[in-house]
Amino acid sequence: MVSDMERNEPRPNGSSTHTLSLLVENKPGVLHRITGLFSRRHYNIASLTVGPTEVPDYSRITIVVRLGSKSVEQVVRQVQKLVPVVEVRELSPQDLIERELLLVKIHTPESNYSELRALAETYEATIVDVSPDALVVEASGPAGKLDALEERLRKFGIQELCRSGRIALERGFKTLAPPSLKGEAHGELPPPQISPP
């Protein structure tokens, strides 16, 4: 996994990690077209999440991509050409708020439960399910925090693990949606289009 300190930093093999935020139309096949572009261009997707936005007809896709010799600007230009994509932007590490969700099932005897509870509290995690021979820990936060928690949990015996992938927003008042969509988010309809006579 890529920690917060590693984000957008050069890696030993010359690749770097970038976070892209896309606003797309809710239409069938949109995700397939976007991932198909990344596959054809041999871009390595490290994380991908999709979810609704404040505008019902649009979704936000957050992609963490590892790039070698290709520039992130080139990737952004290629993605922007896809018809269902309304806007795409690389999120700067300095302006980025990102979170990820982790669920991990620990197969361990009850004698370890108190230590696990203390560890969970240290990482602001929650134990969401307990049974006689296993428990499930839930945590959210930046990728680096979850990487560290995952590493600490391994000695107890990880039976299953699931991570959501990153979601991200820019700090401050900046938004990904263009001005024409911001009115829709507040229930304002765009002016009607009048056809010429």
N, C-alpha and C. Protein backbone atom coordinates (compact mmCIF):
# COMPACT_ATOMS: atom_id res chain seq x y z
N MET A 1 0.83 -1.19 0.00
CA MET A 1 0.00 0.00 0.00
C MET A 1 0.87 1.26 0.00
N VAL A 2 0.30 2.37 -0.45
CA VAL A 2 1.05 3.62 -0.52
C VAL A 2 0.70 4.47 0.68
N SER A 3 1.69 4.85 1.43
CA SER A 3 1.44 5.66 2.61
C SER A 3 1.30 7.12 2.21
N ASP A 4 0.81 7.97 3.18
CA ASP A 4 0.68 9.40 2.91
C ASP A 4 2.00 10.03 2.52
N MET A 5 3.09 9.60 3.15
CA MET A 5 4.39 10.19 2.87
C MET A 5 4.85 9.85 1.46
N GLU A 6 4.35 8.73 0.91
CA GLU A 6 4.79 8.30 -0.40
C GLU A 6 3.97 8.91 -1.53
N ARG A 7 2.82 9.51 -1.22
CA ARG A 7 1.92 9.97 -2.25
C ARG A 7 2.59 11.02 -3.13
N ASN A 8 2.53 10.84 -4.43
CA ASN A 8 3.10 11.72 -5.43
C ASN A 8 4.62 11.82 -5.35
N GLU A 9 5.26 10.97 -4.59
CA GLU A 9 6.71 10.97 -4.51
C GLU A 9 7.27 9.97 -5.50
N PRO A 10 8.47 10.26 -6.09
CA PRO A 10 9.08 9.29 -6.99
C PRO A 10 9.37 8.00 -6.25
N ARG A 11 9.19 6.87 -6.93
CA ARG A 11 9.46 5.57 -6.36
C ARG A 11 10.77 5.04 -6.95
N PRO A 12 11.35 4.00 -6.34
CA PRO A 12 12.65 3.52 -6.81
C PRO A 12 12.68 3.16 -8.28
N ASN A 13 11.57 2.65 -8.83
CA ASN A 13 11.56 2.25 -10.23
C ASN A 13 11.23 3.41 -11.16
N GLY A 14 11.18 4.62 -10.60
CA GLY A 14 10.93 5.80 -11.43
C GLY A 14 9.47 6.18 -11.54
N SER A 15 8.56 5.40 -10.96
CA SER A 15 7.14 5.72 -11.04
C SER A 15 6.74 6.66 -9.90
N SER A 16 5.61 7.31 -10.05
CA SER A 16 5.09 8.19 -9.01
C SER A 16 3.59 7.97 -8.91
N THR A 17 3.01 8.32 -7.76
CA THR A 17 1.60 8.08 -7.50
C THR A 17 0.84 9.40 -7.51
N HIS A 18 -0.32 9.40 -8.18
CA HIS A 18 -1.12 10.62 -8.32
C HIS A 18 -2.59 10.29 -8.05
N THR A 19 -3.30 11.27 -7.48
CA THR A 19 -4.72 11.12 -7.21
C THR A 19 -5.52 11.97 -8.19
N LEU A 20 -6.38 11.31 -8.98
CA LEU A 20 -7.22 11.99 -9.96
C LEU A 20 -8.67 11.96 -9.49
N SER A 21 -9.36 13.07 -9.64
CA SER A 21 -10.77 13.16 -9.30
C SER A 21 -11.56 13.45 -10.57
N LEU A 22 -12.57 12.61 -10.84
CA LEU A 22 -13.36 12.75 -12.06
C LEU A 22 -14.83 12.96 -11.69
N LEU A 23 -15.48 13.86 -12.42
CA LEU A 23 -16.92 14.01 -12.36
C LEU A 23 -17.47 13.46 -13.66
N VAL A 24 -18.36 12.47 -13.57
CA VAL A 24 -18.85 11.79 -14.77
C VAL A 24 -20.37 11.70 -14.75
N GLU A 25 -20.94 11.54 -15.94
CA GLU A 25 -22.38 11.36 -16.06
C GLU A 25 -22.76 9.94 -15.63
N ASN A 26 -23.93 9.83 -15.02
CA ASN A 26 -24.43 8.51 -14.61
C ASN A 26 -25.06 7.82 -15.81
N LYS A 27 -24.22 7.15 -16.59
CA LYS A 27 -24.70 6.43 -17.77
C LYS A 27 -24.08 5.03 -17.79
N PRO A 28 -24.78 4.06 -18.37
CA PRO A 28 -24.22 2.71 -18.44
C PRO A 28 -22.90 2.69 -19.21
N GLY A 29 -21.93 1.94 -18.71
CA GLY A 29 -20.67 1.75 -19.41
C GLY A 29 -19.61 2.81 -19.17
N VAL A 30 -19.92 3.81 -18.34
CA VAL A 30 -18.94 4.89 -18.11
C VAL A 30 -17.68 4.35 -17.45
N LEU A 31 -17.84 3.57 -16.39
CA LEU A 31 -16.67 3.04 -15.68
C LEU A 31 -15.85 2.13 -16.59
N HIS A 32 -16.54 1.34 -17.40
CA HIS A 32 -15.84 0.45 -18.34
C HIS A 32 -14.99 1.25 -19.32
N ARG A 33 -15.51 2.35 -19.82
CA ARG A 33 -14.75 3.17 -20.78
C ARG A 33 -13.52 3.78 -20.13
N ILE A 34 -13.67 4.22 -18.89
CA ILE A 34 -12.53 4.86 -18.21
C ILE A 34 -11.46 3.84 -17.88
N THR A 35 -11.85 2.72 -17.30
CA THR A 35 -10.86 1.70 -16.96
C THR A 35 -10.26 1.08 -18.23
N GLY A 36 -11.04 1.02 -19.31
CA GLY A 36 -10.51 0.53 -20.58
C GLY A 36 -9.40 1.41 -21.10
N LEU A 37 -9.57 2.74 -20.95
CA LEU A 37 -8.52 3.67 -21.37
C LEU A 37 -7.24 3.43 -20.58
N PHE A 38 -7.38 3.26 -19.26
CA PHE A 38 -6.20 3.04 -18.42
C PHE A 38 -5.53 1.72 -18.78
N SER A 39 -6.32 0.71 -19.08
CA SER A 39 -5.76 -0.59 -19.45
C SER A 39 -5.00 -0.52 -20.77
N ARG A 40 -5.61 0.12 -21.77
CA ARG A 40 -4.96 0.22 -23.08
C ARG A 40 -3.66 1.00 -23.02
N ARG A 41 -3.61 2.01 -22.15
CA ARG A 41 -2.41 2.86 -22.03
C ARG A 41 -1.41 2.30 -21.03
N HIS A 42 -1.74 1.16 -20.41
CA HIS A 42 -0.87 0.51 -19.43
C HIS A 42 -0.60 1.39 -18.22
N TYR A 43 -1.63 2.11 -17.77
CA TYR A 43 -1.54 2.87 -16.54
C TYR A 43 -1.92 1.96 -15.38
N ASN A 44 -1.14 1.98 -14.32
CA ASN A 44 -1.36 1.10 -13.18
C ASN A 44 -2.28 1.76 -12.16
N ILE A 45 -3.51 1.26 -12.05
CA ILE A 45 -4.47 1.80 -11.09
C ILE A 45 -4.21 1.14 -9.72
N ALA A 46 -3.87 1.96 -8.74
CA ALA A 46 -3.63 1.45 -7.39
C ALA A 46 -4.91 1.44 -6.57
N SER A 47 -5.86 2.32 -6.89
CA SER A 47 -7.10 2.41 -6.14
C SER A 47 -8.14 3.09 -7.01
N LEU A 48 -9.41 2.64 -6.90
CA LEU A 48 -10.50 3.25 -7.67
C LEU A 48 -11.78 3.17 -6.86
N THR A 49 -12.44 4.30 -6.67
CA THR A 49 -13.72 4.34 -5.97
C THR A 49 -14.72 5.15 -6.79
N VAL A 50 -15.99 4.77 -6.70
CA VAL A 50 -17.07 5.46 -7.40
C VAL A 50 -18.21 5.69 -6.42
N GLY A 51 -18.81 6.88 -6.48
CA GLY A 51 -19.94 7.15 -5.60
C GLY A 51 -20.75 8.34 -6.08
N PRO A 52 -21.93 8.53 -5.49
CA PRO A 52 -22.79 9.64 -5.89
C PRO A 52 -22.23 10.98 -5.45
N THR A 53 -22.75 12.05 -6.06
CA THR A 53 -22.35 13.41 -5.72
C THR A 53 -23.57 14.19 -5.26
N GLU A 54 -23.36 15.49 -5.03
CA GLU A 54 -24.46 16.36 -4.64
C GLU A 54 -25.47 16.57 -5.78
N VAL A 55 -25.07 16.21 -7.01
CA VAL A 55 -25.96 16.30 -8.17
C VAL A 55 -26.37 14.88 -8.57
N PRO A 56 -27.64 14.52 -8.49
CA PRO A 56 -28.05 13.12 -8.67
C PRO A 56 -27.64 12.49 -9.99
N ASP A 57 -27.52 13.27 -11.05
CA ASP A 57 -27.22 12.70 -12.37
C ASP A 57 -25.73 12.49 -12.62
N TYR A 58 -24.89 12.75 -11.61
CA TYR A 58 -23.45 12.66 -11.79
C TYR A 58 -22.81 11.87 -10.65
N SER A 59 -21.69 11.22 -10.96
CA SER A 59 -20.92 10.48 -9.97
C SER A 59 -19.49 11.00 -9.93
N ARG A 60 -18.85 10.75 -8.80
CA ARG A 60 -17.43 11.10 -8.65
C ARG A 60 -16.61 9.81 -8.64
N ILE A 61 -15.56 9.80 -9.43
CA ILE A 61 -14.62 8.69 -9.45
C ILE A 61 -13.27 9.20 -8.93
N THR A 62 -12.72 8.53 -7.96
CA THR A 62 -11.39 8.86 -7.46
C THR A 62 -10.44 7.73 -7.85
N ILE A 63 -9.40 8.08 -8.60
CA ILE A 63 -8.44 7.09 -9.09
C ILE A 63 -7.05 7.44 -8.57
N VAL A 64 -6.42 6.49 -7.92
CA VAL A 64 -5.01 6.62 -7.57
C VAL A 64 -4.23 5.83 -8.60
N VAL A 65 -3.37 6.51 -9.34
CA VAL A 65 -2.67 5.88 -10.46
C VAL A 65 -1.17 6.02 -10.27
N ARG A 66 -0.44 4.94 -10.61
CA ARG A 66 1.03 4.96 -10.57
C ARG A 66 1.54 5.10 -11.99
N LEU A 67 2.36 6.10 -12.20
CA LEU A 67 2.86 6.40 -13.54
C LEU A 67 4.36 6.26 -13.61
N GLY A 68 4.84 5.76 -14.73
CA GLY A 68 6.27 5.66 -14.97
C GLY A 68 6.74 6.84 -15.79
N SER A 69 6.98 6.60 -17.09
CA SER A 69 7.48 7.66 -17.96
C SER A 69 6.39 8.62 -18.41
N LYS A 70 5.11 8.22 -18.29
CA LYS A 70 4.02 9.08 -18.72
C LYS A 70 3.81 10.21 -17.70
N SER A 71 3.44 11.40 -18.21
CA SER A 71 3.16 12.52 -17.32
C SER A 71 1.70 12.48 -16.91
N VAL A 72 1.41 12.98 -15.71
CA VAL A 72 0.03 13.00 -15.24
C VAL A 72 -0.81 13.94 -16.10
N GLU A 73 -0.19 14.99 -16.65
CA GLU A 73 -0.92 15.90 -17.53
C GLU A 73 -1.42 15.17 -18.77
N GLN A 74 -0.62 14.26 -19.30
CA GLN A 74 -1.03 13.47 -20.47
C GLN A 74 -2.22 12.59 -20.13
N VAL A 75 -2.20 11.98 -18.95
CA VAL A 75 -3.31 11.14 -18.52
C VAL A 75 -4.58 11.96 -18.40
N VAL A 76 -4.48 13.14 -17.78
CA VAL A 76 -5.64 14.00 -17.59
C VAL A 76 -6.24 14.39 -18.95
N ARG A 77 -5.41 14.74 -19.91
CA ARG A 77 -5.90 15.13 -21.24
C ARG A 77 -6.65 13.97 -21.90
N GLN A 78 -6.11 12.76 -21.78
CA GLN A 78 -6.75 11.61 -22.42
C GLN A 78 -8.08 11.27 -21.76
N VAL A 79 -8.15 11.36 -20.44
CA VAL A 79 -9.39 11.07 -19.75
C VAL A 79 -10.44 12.13 -20.07
N GLN A 80 -10.02 13.38 -20.17
CA GLN A 80 -10.95 14.48 -20.45
C GLN A 80 -11.64 14.33 -21.80
N LYS A 81 -11.01 13.62 -22.74
CA LYS A 81 -11.59 13.45 -24.07
C LYS A 81 -12.78 12.48 -24.07
N LEU A 82 -12.90 11.66 -23.04
CA LEU A 82 -14.01 10.70 -22.99
C LEU A 82 -15.33 11.46 -22.78
N VAL A 83 -16.32 11.14 -23.58
CA VAL A 83 -17.58 11.89 -23.59
C VAL A 83 -18.28 11.92 -22.23
N PRO A 84 -18.37 10.80 -21.48
CA PRO A 84 -19.11 10.87 -20.21
C PRO A 84 -18.39 11.67 -19.12
N VAL A 85 -17.12 12.06 -19.33
CA VAL A 85 -16.35 12.77 -18.31
C VAL A 85 -16.64 14.26 -18.41
N VAL A 86 -17.20 14.83 -17.34
CA VAL A 86 -17.51 16.26 -17.30
C VAL A 86 -16.27 17.06 -16.90
N GLU A 87 -15.53 16.55 -15.92
CA GLU A 87 -14.34 17.24 -15.42
C GLU A 87 -13.38 16.23 -14.84
N VAL A 88 -12.09 16.47 -14.99
CA VAL A 88 -11.07 15.64 -14.37
C VAL A 88 -9.95 16.54 -13.89
N ARG A 89 -9.39 16.22 -12.71
CA ARG A 89 -8.37 17.08 -12.13
C ARG A 89 -7.45 16.23 -11.27
N GLU A 90 -6.16 16.53 -11.32
CA GLU A 90 -5.25 15.94 -10.34
C GLU A 90 -5.35 16.74 -9.06
N LEU A 91 -5.50 16.06 -7.94
CA LEU A 91 -5.59 16.73 -6.66
C LEU A 91 -4.19 16.88 -6.06
N SER A 92 -3.83 18.11 -5.79
CA SER A 92 -2.51 18.40 -5.23
C SER A 92 -2.39 17.86 -3.82
N PRO A 93 -1.27 17.23 -3.47
CA PRO A 93 -1.11 16.70 -2.10
C PRO A 93 -1.30 17.76 -1.03
N GLN A 94 -0.93 19.01 -1.33
CA GLN A 94 -1.06 20.08 -0.34
C GLN A 94 -2.52 20.47 -0.10
N ASP A 95 -3.39 20.26 -1.10
CA ASP A 95 -4.79 20.67 -0.99
C ASP A 95 -5.73 19.48 -0.84
N LEU A 96 -5.21 18.35 -0.50
CA LEU A 96 -5.97 17.11 -0.57
C LEU A 96 -6.41 16.63 0.81
N ILE A 97 -7.71 16.34 0.94
CA ILE A 97 -8.23 15.63 2.11
C ILE A 97 -8.70 14.27 1.61
N GLU A 98 -8.10 13.20 2.10
CA GLU A 98 -8.45 11.88 1.61
C GLU A 98 -8.73 10.94 2.78
N ARG A 99 -9.60 9.99 2.52
CA ARG A 99 -9.95 8.99 3.52
C ARG A 99 -10.13 7.64 2.85
N GLU A 100 -9.96 6.59 3.65
CA GLU A 100 -10.15 5.23 3.19
C GLU A 100 -10.81 4.46 4.34
N LEU A 101 -11.56 3.43 4.01
CA LEU A 101 -12.20 2.59 5.02
C LEU A 101 -11.55 1.22 5.03
N LEU A 102 -11.30 0.70 6.23
CA LEU A 102 -10.69 -0.61 6.40
C LEU A 102 -11.59 -1.47 7.28
N LEU A 103 -11.85 -2.70 6.83
CA LEU A 103 -12.48 -3.73 7.65
C LEU A 103 -11.53 -4.91 7.70
N VAL A 104 -11.22 -5.38 8.90
CA VAL A 104 -10.29 -6.50 9.02
C VAL A 104 -10.79 -7.47 10.08
N LYS A 105 -10.81 -8.75 9.72
CA LYS A 105 -11.25 -9.81 10.63
C LYS A 105 -10.03 -10.48 11.23
N ILE A 106 -9.99 -10.52 12.55
CA ILE A 106 -8.86 -11.09 13.27
C ILE A 106 -9.29 -12.42 13.88
N HIS A 107 -8.57 -13.49 13.55
CA HIS A 107 -8.83 -14.80 14.14
C HIS A 107 -7.85 -14.99 15.30
N THR A 108 -8.36 -14.84 16.50
CA THR A 108 -7.48 -14.84 17.66
C THR A 108 -8.28 -15.25 18.90
N PRO A 109 -7.64 -15.84 19.91
CA PRO A 109 -8.36 -16.21 21.14
C PRO A 109 -8.80 -14.99 21.93
N GLU A 110 -9.80 -15.19 22.77
CA GLU A 110 -10.35 -14.08 23.56
C GLU A 110 -9.31 -13.45 24.48
N SER A 111 -8.27 -14.18 24.81
CA SER A 111 -7.24 -13.62 25.70
C SER A 111 -6.55 -12.41 25.09
N ASN A 112 -6.64 -12.27 23.76
CA ASN A 112 -6.00 -11.13 23.09
C ASN A 112 -6.94 -9.94 22.90
N TYR A 113 -8.21 -10.09 23.28
CA TYR A 113 -9.19 -9.06 22.97
C TYR A 113 -8.88 -7.72 23.64
N SER A 114 -8.43 -7.75 24.88
CA SER A 114 -8.15 -6.48 25.57
C SER A 114 -7.01 -5.73 24.89
N GLU A 115 -5.99 -6.46 24.46
CA GLU A 115 -4.88 -5.81 23.75
C GLU A 115 -5.35 -5.24 22.41
N LEU A 116 -6.21 -5.99 21.74
CA LEU A 116 -6.73 -5.50 20.46
C LEU A 116 -7.60 -4.27 20.65
N ARG A 117 -8.38 -4.22 21.69
CA ARG A 117 -9.20 -3.03 21.96
C ARG A 117 -8.33 -1.82 22.21
N ALA A 118 -7.25 -1.99 22.94
CA ALA A 118 -6.33 -0.89 23.21
C ALA A 118 -5.67 -0.41 21.91
N LEU A 119 -5.29 -1.36 21.05
CA LEU A 119 -4.68 -1.00 19.77
C LEU A 119 -5.68 -0.26 18.89
N ALA A 120 -6.92 -0.74 18.87
CA ALA A 120 -7.95 -0.08 18.07
C ALA A 120 -8.17 1.35 18.55
N GLU A 121 -8.18 1.54 19.85
CA GLU A 121 -8.38 2.89 20.39
C GLU A 121 -7.23 3.81 19.99
N THR A 122 -6.02 3.29 19.94
CA THR A 122 -4.86 4.10 19.54
C THR A 122 -5.04 4.65 18.13
N TYR A 123 -5.63 3.86 17.25
CA TYR A 123 -5.81 4.26 15.86
C TYR A 123 -7.23 4.78 15.58
N GLU A 124 -7.96 5.10 16.64
CA GLU A 124 -9.34 5.61 16.50
C GLU A 124 -10.20 4.65 15.69
N ALA A 125 -9.94 3.36 15.85
CA ALA A 125 -10.70 2.32 15.15
C ALA A 125 -11.79 1.80 16.08
N THR A 126 -12.73 1.02 15.52
CA THR A 126 -13.86 0.49 16.26
C THR A 126 -13.96 -1.02 16.04
N ILE A 127 -14.22 -1.75 17.10
CA ILE A 127 -14.50 -3.18 16.98
C ILE A 127 -16.00 -3.32 16.74
N VAL A 128 -16.38 -3.77 15.54
CA VAL A 128 -17.79 -3.78 15.14
C VAL A 128 -18.45 -5.14 15.25
N ASP A 129 -17.66 -6.19 15.48
CA ASP A 129 -18.25 -7.52 15.65
C ASP A 129 -17.31 -8.37 16.50
N VAL A 130 -17.90 -9.11 17.44
CA VAL A 130 -17.10 -9.96 18.33
C VAL A 130 -17.77 -11.33 18.40
N SER A 131 -16.95 -12.38 18.21
CA SER A 131 -17.42 -13.76 18.38
C SER A 131 -16.37 -14.50 19.22
N PRO A 132 -16.62 -15.73 19.63
CA PRO A 132 -15.68 -16.42 20.53
C PRO A 132 -14.27 -16.58 19.97
N ASP A 133 -14.12 -16.65 18.65
CA ASP A 133 -12.78 -16.88 18.10
C ASP A 133 -12.34 -15.85 17.07
N ALA A 134 -13.10 -14.77 16.94
CA ALA A 134 -12.72 -13.75 15.95
C ALA A 134 -13.41 -12.43 16.28
N LEU A 135 -12.83 -11.35 15.78
CA LEU A 135 -13.48 -10.05 15.86
C LEU A 135 -13.17 -9.25 14.61
N VAL A 136 -13.99 -8.23 14.35
CA VAL A 136 -13.84 -7.40 13.16
C VAL A 136 -13.57 -5.96 13.59
N VAL A 137 -12.50 -5.39 13.03
CA VAL A 137 -12.09 -4.02 13.33
C VAL A 137 -12.42 -3.14 12.14
N GLU A 138 -13.00 -1.98 12.42
CA GLU A 138 -13.29 -0.98 11.38
C GLU A 138 -12.47 0.27 11.67
N ALA A 139 -11.84 0.82 10.62
CA ALA A 139 -11.06 2.05 10.78
C ALA A 139 -11.18 2.88 9.52
N SER A 140 -11.07 4.18 9.68
CA SER A 140 -11.05 5.08 8.53
C SER A 140 -9.98 6.13 8.74
N GLY A 141 -9.50 6.68 7.65
CA GLY A 141 -8.46 7.70 7.74
C GLY A 141 -7.59 7.70 6.51
N PRO A 142 -6.51 8.47 6.54
CA PRO A 142 -5.56 8.48 5.42
C PRO A 142 -4.92 7.11 5.23
N ALA A 143 -4.45 6.86 4.02
CA ALA A 143 -3.89 5.54 3.70
C ALA A 143 -2.75 5.15 4.62
N GLY A 144 -1.89 6.10 4.96
CA GLY A 144 -0.74 5.79 5.82
C GLY A 144 -1.15 5.30 7.19
N LYS A 145 -2.19 5.88 7.75
CA LYS A 145 -2.69 5.45 9.06
C LYS A 145 -3.20 4.01 8.99
N LEU A 146 -3.92 3.68 7.93
CA LEU A 146 -4.46 2.32 7.80
C LEU A 146 -3.35 1.32 7.52
N ASP A 147 -2.34 1.73 6.76
CA ASP A 147 -1.18 0.86 6.54
C ASP A 147 -0.54 0.47 7.87
N ALA A 148 -0.37 1.48 8.73
CA ALA A 148 0.28 1.24 10.02
C ALA A 148 -0.57 0.32 10.90
N LEU A 149 -1.89 0.56 10.93
CA LEU A 149 -2.77 -0.29 11.72
C LEU A 149 -2.77 -1.73 11.20
N GLU A 150 -2.82 -1.88 9.89
CA GLU A 150 -2.79 -3.22 9.28
C GLU A 150 -1.52 -3.97 9.69
N GLU A 151 -0.40 -3.27 9.68
CA GLU A 151 0.86 -3.92 10.05
C GLU A 151 0.85 -4.36 11.51
N ARG A 152 0.27 -3.52 12.39
CA ARG A 152 0.23 -3.86 13.82
C ARG A 152 -0.71 -5.04 14.08
N LEU A 153 -1.74 -5.19 13.26
CA LEU A 153 -2.72 -6.26 13.46
C LEU A 153 -2.24 -7.62 12.98
N ARG A 154 -1.23 -7.64 12.13
CA ARG A 154 -0.82 -8.90 11.50
C ARG A 154 -0.37 -9.95 12.54
N LYS A 155 0.22 -9.52 13.61
CA LYS A 155 0.72 -10.50 14.60
C LYS A 155 -0.42 -11.24 15.30
N PHE A 156 -1.64 -10.69 15.23
CA PHE A 156 -2.78 -11.34 15.86
C PHE A 156 -3.44 -12.37 14.95
N GLY A 157 -3.11 -12.34 13.66
CA GLY A 157 -3.67 -13.29 12.72
C GLY A 157 -4.82 -12.73 11.92
N ILE A 158 -4.51 -12.05 10.80
CA ILE A 158 -5.55 -11.49 9.94
C ILE A 158 -6.17 -12.62 9.11
N GLN A 159 -7.48 -12.79 9.26
CA GLN A 159 -8.19 -13.82 8.51
C GLN A 159 -8.74 -13.28 7.19
N GLU A 160 -9.30 -12.08 7.24
CA GLU A 160 -9.80 -11.41 6.04
C GLU A 160 -9.57 -9.92 6.18
N LEU A 161 -9.40 -9.25 5.03
CA LEU A 161 -9.16 -7.81 5.04
C LEU A 161 -9.80 -7.20 3.81
N CYS A 162 -10.43 -6.05 3.99
CA CYS A 162 -11.06 -5.35 2.87
C CYS A 162 -10.82 -3.85 3.04
N ARG A 163 -10.31 -3.20 1.97
CA ARG A 163 -10.12 -1.75 1.99
C ARG A 163 -10.91 -1.13 0.85
N SER A 164 -11.50 0.02 1.13
CA SER A 164 -12.44 0.62 0.19
C SER A 164 -11.77 1.30 -0.99
N GLY A 165 -10.50 1.66 -0.87
CA GLY A 165 -9.91 2.59 -1.84
C GLY A 165 -10.16 4.01 -1.38
N ARG A 166 -9.42 4.94 -1.94
CA ARG A 166 -9.47 6.31 -1.44
C ARG A 166 -10.62 7.12 -2.02
N ILE A 167 -11.19 8.00 -1.18
CA ILE A 167 -12.03 9.08 -1.64
C ILE A 167 -11.33 10.37 -1.25
N ALA A 168 -11.56 11.43 -2.01
CA ALA A 168 -10.78 12.64 -1.76
C ALA A 168 -11.55 13.88 -2.20
N LEU A 169 -11.32 14.98 -1.48
CA LEU A 169 -11.83 16.30 -1.84
C LEU A 169 -10.71 17.31 -1.69
N GLU A 170 -10.83 18.43 -2.40
CA GLU A 170 -9.89 19.52 -2.24
C GLU A 170 -10.28 20.38 -1.04
N ARG A 171 -9.30 20.95 -0.38
CA ARG A 171 -9.57 21.85 0.72
C ARG A 171 -10.18 23.15 0.21
N GLY A 172 -10.84 23.86 1.12
CA GLY A 172 -11.35 25.18 0.77
C GLY A 172 -12.62 25.13 -0.07
N PHE A 173 -12.88 26.21 -0.79
CA PHE A 173 -14.15 26.40 -1.50
C PHE A 173 -14.12 25.81 -2.90
N LYS A 174 -12.98 25.38 -3.38
CA LYS A 174 -12.89 24.85 -4.74
C LYS A 174 -13.72 23.59 -4.88
N THR A 175 -14.37 23.44 -6.05
CA THR A 175 -15.17 22.24 -6.32
C THR A 175 -14.81 21.70 -7.69
N LEU A 176 -15.09 20.42 -7.88
CA LEU A 176 -14.82 19.79 -9.17
C LEU A 176 -15.90 20.13 -10.18
N ALA A 177 -17.13 20.35 -9.72
CA ALA A 177 -18.25 20.61 -10.63
C ALA A 177 -18.10 21.97 -11.29
N PRO A 178 -18.32 22.07 -12.60
CA PRO A 178 -18.30 23.37 -13.27
C PRO A 178 -19.46 24.23 -12.82
N PRO A 179 -19.40 25.56 -13.03
CA PRO A 179 -20.46 26.46 -12.56
C PRO A 179 -21.85 26.07 -13.04
N SER A 180 -21.95 25.50 -14.23
CA SER A 180 -23.27 25.14 -14.76
C SER A 180 -23.97 24.06 -13.94
N LEU A 181 -23.20 23.25 -13.20
CA LEU A 181 -23.79 22.18 -12.40
C LEU A 181 -24.03 22.59 -10.96
N LYS A 182 -23.40 23.67 -10.52
CA LYS A 182 -23.54 24.05 -9.11
C LYS A 182 -24.96 24.48 -8.78
N GLY A 183 -25.65 25.09 -9.75
CA GLY A 183 -27.03 25.46 -9.53
C GLY A 183 -27.93 24.26 -9.36
N GLU A 184 -27.64 23.19 -10.12
CA GLU A 184 -28.43 21.97 -10.00
C GLU A 184 -28.29 21.36 -8.62
N ALA A 185 -27.11 21.49 -8.03
CA ALA A 185 -26.89 20.91 -6.70
C ALA A 185 -27.76 21.58 -5.65
N HIS A 186 -28.15 22.84 -5.88
CA HIS A 186 -28.98 23.56 -4.92
C HIS A 186 -30.44 23.62 -5.36
N GLY A 187 -30.80 22.76 -6.31
CA GLY A 187 -32.19 22.71 -6.74
C GLY A 187 -32.56 23.75 -7.76
N GLU A 188 -31.59 24.48 -8.30
CA GLU A 188 -31.87 25.49 -9.30
C GLU A 188 -31.75 24.88 -10.68
N LEU A 189 -32.76 25.04 -11.48
CA LEU A 189 -32.73 24.48 -12.82
C LEU A 189 -32.09 25.45 -13.78
N PRO A 190 -31.31 24.94 -14.76
CA PRO A 190 -30.72 25.81 -15.76
C PRO A 190 -31.81 26.44 -16.61
N PRO A 191 -31.55 27.62 -17.23
CA PRO A 191 -32.57 28.26 -18.06
C PRO A 191 -32.93 27.36 -19.24
N PRO A 192 -34.21 27.39 -19.65
CA PRO A 192 -34.62 26.53 -20.76
C PRO A 192 -33.96 26.93 -22.06
N GLN A 193 -33.68 25.93 -22.88
CA GLN A 193 -33.08 26.17 -24.18
C GLN A 193 -34.18 26.47 -25.18
N ILE A 194 -34.15 27.63 -25.82
CA ILE A 194 -35.17 28.04 -26.78
C ILE A 194 -34.64 27.83 -28.18
N SER A 195 -35.31 27.01 -28.92
CA SER A 195 -34.89 26.73 -30.29
C SER A 195 -35.22 27.92 -31.17
N PRO A 196 -34.36 28.22 -32.14
CA PRO A 196 -34.64 29.33 -33.06
C PRO A 196 -35.86 28.99 -33.93
N PRO A 197 -36.60 30.01 -34.32
CA PRO A 197 -37.79 29.74 -35.15
C PRO A 197 -37.42 29.17 -36.51
